[in-house]
Amino acid sequence: MACYFCQRNIKEIDFKNTELLQKFISGLGKIRPKKRTGGCASHQRKLAKAIKRARNLGLLPIK
């Protein structure tokens, strides 16, 4: 499975784009692992950082 962000040529992951981040969060509010998302290592790290920032600002639920 190819990386979602590499396929779409997305360099930076914006923490304000909650609709996109919601796709990479499980029903319990946890960040989905790299095996499930199919992301490359660098984008998975950026994704986790963006999700954590959005949670801290109250844009995403912390469940």
N, C-alpha and C. Protein backbone atom coordinates (compact mmCIF):
# COMPACT_ATOMS: atom_id res chain seq x y z
N MET A 1 0.84 -1.17 0.00
CA MET A 1 0.00 0.00 0.00
C MET A 1 0.89 1.25 0.00
N ALA A 2 0.61 2.15 -0.88
CA ALA A 2 1.42 3.37 -0.98
C ALA A 2 0.94 4.42 0.02
N CYS A 3 1.83 5.32 0.36
CA CYS A 3 1.53 6.36 1.32
C CYS A 3 0.48 7.33 0.75
N TYR A 4 -0.54 7.63 1.55
CA TYR A 4 -1.62 8.55 1.15
C TYR A 4 -1.07 9.91 0.78
N PHE A 5 -0.12 10.40 1.57
CA PHE A 5 0.41 11.75 1.37
C PHE A 5 1.41 11.80 0.22
N CYS A 6 2.19 10.74 0.04
CA CYS A 6 3.13 10.69 -1.09
C CYS A 6 2.38 10.63 -2.42
N GLN A 7 1.30 9.88 -2.46
CA GLN A 7 0.50 9.76 -3.69
C GLN A 7 -0.07 11.11 -4.11
N ARG A 8 -0.49 11.90 -3.14
CA ARG A 8 -1.13 13.19 -3.42
C ARG A 8 -0.13 14.35 -3.38
N ASN A 9 1.16 14.03 -3.21
CA ASN A 9 2.24 15.01 -3.19
C ASN A 9 2.01 16.09 -2.12
N ILE A 10 1.58 15.65 -0.93
CA ILE A 10 1.36 16.55 0.20
C ILE A 10 2.64 16.56 1.03
N LYS A 11 3.26 17.73 1.14
CA LYS A 11 4.53 17.85 1.87
C LYS A 11 4.29 18.06 3.36
N GLU A 12 3.41 18.99 3.70
CA GLU A 12 3.13 19.31 5.10
C GLU A 12 1.69 18.93 5.44
N ILE A 13 1.49 18.44 6.65
CA ILE A 13 0.16 18.06 7.12
C ILE A 13 -0.32 19.15 8.06
N ASP A 14 -1.43 19.78 7.71
CA ASP A 14 -1.95 20.91 8.47
C ASP A 14 -2.83 20.41 9.61
N PHE A 15 -2.56 20.87 10.83
CA PHE A 15 -3.33 20.42 11.99
C PHE A 15 -4.74 21.00 11.99
N LYS A 16 -4.99 22.03 11.18
CA LYS A 16 -6.32 22.65 11.13
C LYS A 16 -7.27 21.88 10.21
N ASN A 17 -6.74 20.97 9.40
CA ASN A 17 -7.55 20.17 8.48
C ASN A 17 -8.06 18.94 9.23
N THR A 18 -9.09 19.15 10.05
CA THR A 18 -9.57 18.07 10.92
C THR A 18 -10.28 16.96 10.14
N GLU A 19 -10.85 17.27 8.99
CA GLU A 19 -11.52 16.24 8.19
C GLU A 19 -10.51 15.20 7.72
N LEU A 20 -9.34 15.64 7.31
CA LEU A 20 -8.29 14.72 6.88
C LEU A 20 -7.73 13.94 8.07
N LEU A 21 -7.49 14.62 9.17
CA LEU A 21 -6.92 13.96 10.34
C LEU A 21 -7.87 12.91 10.91
N GLN A 22 -9.16 13.15 10.79
CA GLN A 22 -10.17 12.22 11.31
C GLN A 22 -10.07 10.85 10.65
N LYS A 23 -9.59 10.79 9.41
CA LYS A 23 -9.44 9.52 8.69
C LYS A 23 -8.38 8.63 9.32
N PHE A 24 -7.44 9.23 10.04
CA PHE A 24 -6.32 8.49 10.59
C PHE A 24 -6.45 8.28 12.09
N ILE A 25 -7.66 8.45 12.63
CA ILE A 25 -7.94 8.23 14.04
C ILE A 25 -8.97 7.11 14.16
N SER A 26 -8.75 6.19 15.09
CA SER A 26 -9.68 5.09 15.29
C SER A 26 -10.95 5.58 15.97
N GLY A 27 -11.91 4.70 16.12
CA GLY A 27 -13.16 5.04 16.77
C GLY A 27 -13.00 5.43 18.23
N LEU A 28 -11.94 4.92 18.86
CA LEU A 28 -11.66 5.25 20.25
C LEU A 28 -10.83 6.51 20.40
N GLY A 29 -10.46 7.13 19.29
CA GLY A 29 -9.70 8.37 19.34
C GLY A 29 -8.20 8.18 19.30
N LYS A 30 -7.74 6.96 19.06
CA LYS A 30 -6.30 6.71 19.02
C LYS A 30 -5.78 6.91 17.60
N ILE A 31 -4.51 7.24 17.50
CA ILE A 31 -3.87 7.39 16.19
C ILE A 31 -3.65 6.00 15.62
N ARG A 32 -4.10 5.80 14.39
CA ARG A 32 -3.93 4.49 13.76
C ARG A 32 -2.46 4.24 13.45
N PRO A 33 -2.00 2.98 13.60
CA PRO A 33 -0.59 2.68 13.34
C PRO A 33 -0.24 2.72 11.86
N LYS A 34 1.05 2.75 11.60
CA LYS A 34 1.56 2.85 10.23
C LYS A 34 1.10 1.68 9.37
N LYS A 35 0.99 0.51 9.96
CA LYS A 35 0.54 -0.67 9.20
C LYS A 35 -0.89 -0.50 8.69
N ARG A 36 -1.73 0.16 9.47
CA ARG A 36 -3.15 0.34 9.10
C ARG A 36 -3.33 1.49 8.12
N THR A 37 -2.56 2.57 8.30
CA THR A 37 -2.73 3.74 7.44
C THR A 37 -1.97 3.59 6.14
N GLY A 38 -0.90 2.78 6.15
CA GLY A 38 -0.11 2.61 4.94
C GLY A 38 0.80 3.79 4.66
N GLY A 39 1.03 4.62 5.65
CA GLY A 39 1.86 5.80 5.47
C GLY A 39 3.34 5.49 5.59
N CYS A 40 4.15 6.32 4.97
CA CYS A 40 5.60 6.17 5.14
C CYS A 40 5.98 6.72 6.50
N ALA A 41 7.19 6.44 6.94
CA ALA A 41 7.61 6.80 8.30
C ALA A 41 7.60 8.31 8.53
N SER A 42 8.10 9.07 7.56
CA SER A 42 8.17 10.52 7.76
C SER A 42 6.79 11.14 7.84
N HIS A 43 5.87 10.69 6.98
CA HIS A 43 4.52 11.25 7.02
C HIS A 43 3.76 10.76 8.25
N GLN A 44 4.04 9.56 8.73
CA GLN A 44 3.38 9.07 9.94
C GLN A 44 3.77 9.93 11.14
N ARG A 45 5.05 10.33 11.21
CA ARG A 45 5.50 11.20 12.30
C ARG A 45 4.84 12.57 12.21
N LYS A 46 4.76 13.12 11.01
CA LYS A 46 4.12 14.43 10.82
C LYS A 46 2.63 14.35 11.14
N LEU A 47 2.01 13.23 10.77
CA LEU A 47 0.59 13.02 11.04
C LEU A 47 0.33 12.97 12.55
N ALA A 48 1.16 12.24 13.27
CA ALA A 48 1.00 12.13 14.73
C ALA A 48 1.16 13.49 15.38
N LYS A 49 2.13 14.27 14.93
CA LYS A 49 2.36 15.60 15.50
C LYS A 49 1.17 16.51 15.22
N ALA A 50 0.61 16.44 14.01
CA ALA A 50 -0.54 17.27 13.66
C ALA A 50 -1.77 16.89 14.48
N ILE A 51 -1.98 15.60 14.69
CA ILE A 51 -3.12 15.14 15.49
C ILE A 51 -2.98 15.60 16.94
N LYS A 52 -1.77 15.50 17.48
CA LYS A 52 -1.55 15.92 18.86
C LYS A 52 -1.75 17.43 19.02
N ARG A 53 -1.31 18.20 18.05
CA ARG A 53 -1.52 19.65 18.10
C ARG A 53 -3.01 19.98 18.04
N ALA A 54 -3.73 19.30 17.15
CA ALA A 54 -5.17 19.56 17.02
C ALA A 54 -5.90 19.19 18.31
N ARG A 55 -5.47 18.13 18.97
CA ARG A 55 -6.08 17.74 20.26
C ARG A 55 -5.82 18.81 21.31
N ASN A 56 -4.60 19.30 21.37
CA ASN A 56 -4.25 20.31 22.38
C ASN A 56 -5.04 21.59 22.19
N LEU A 57 -5.36 21.94 20.96
CA LEU A 57 -6.11 23.15 20.68
C LEU A 57 -7.62 22.92 20.75
N GLY A 58 -8.04 21.68 20.95
CA GLY A 58 -9.47 21.38 21.07
C GLY A 58 -10.16 21.20 19.73
N LEU A 59 -9.41 21.00 18.66
CA LEU A 59 -10.02 20.80 17.34
C LEU A 59 -10.46 19.36 17.15
N LEU A 60 -9.78 18.43 17.84
CA LEU A 60 -10.13 17.02 17.80
C LEU A 60 -10.44 16.54 19.21
N PRO A 61 -11.33 15.57 19.33
CA PRO A 61 -11.65 15.05 20.67
C PRO A 61 -10.50 14.22 21.25
N ILE A 62 -10.40 14.21 22.56
CA ILE A 62 -9.34 13.47 23.23
C ILE A 62 -9.84 12.13 23.75
N LYS A 63 -11.05 11.84 23.76
CA LYS A 63 -11.68 10.59 24.22
C LYS A 63 -10.89 9.80 25.19
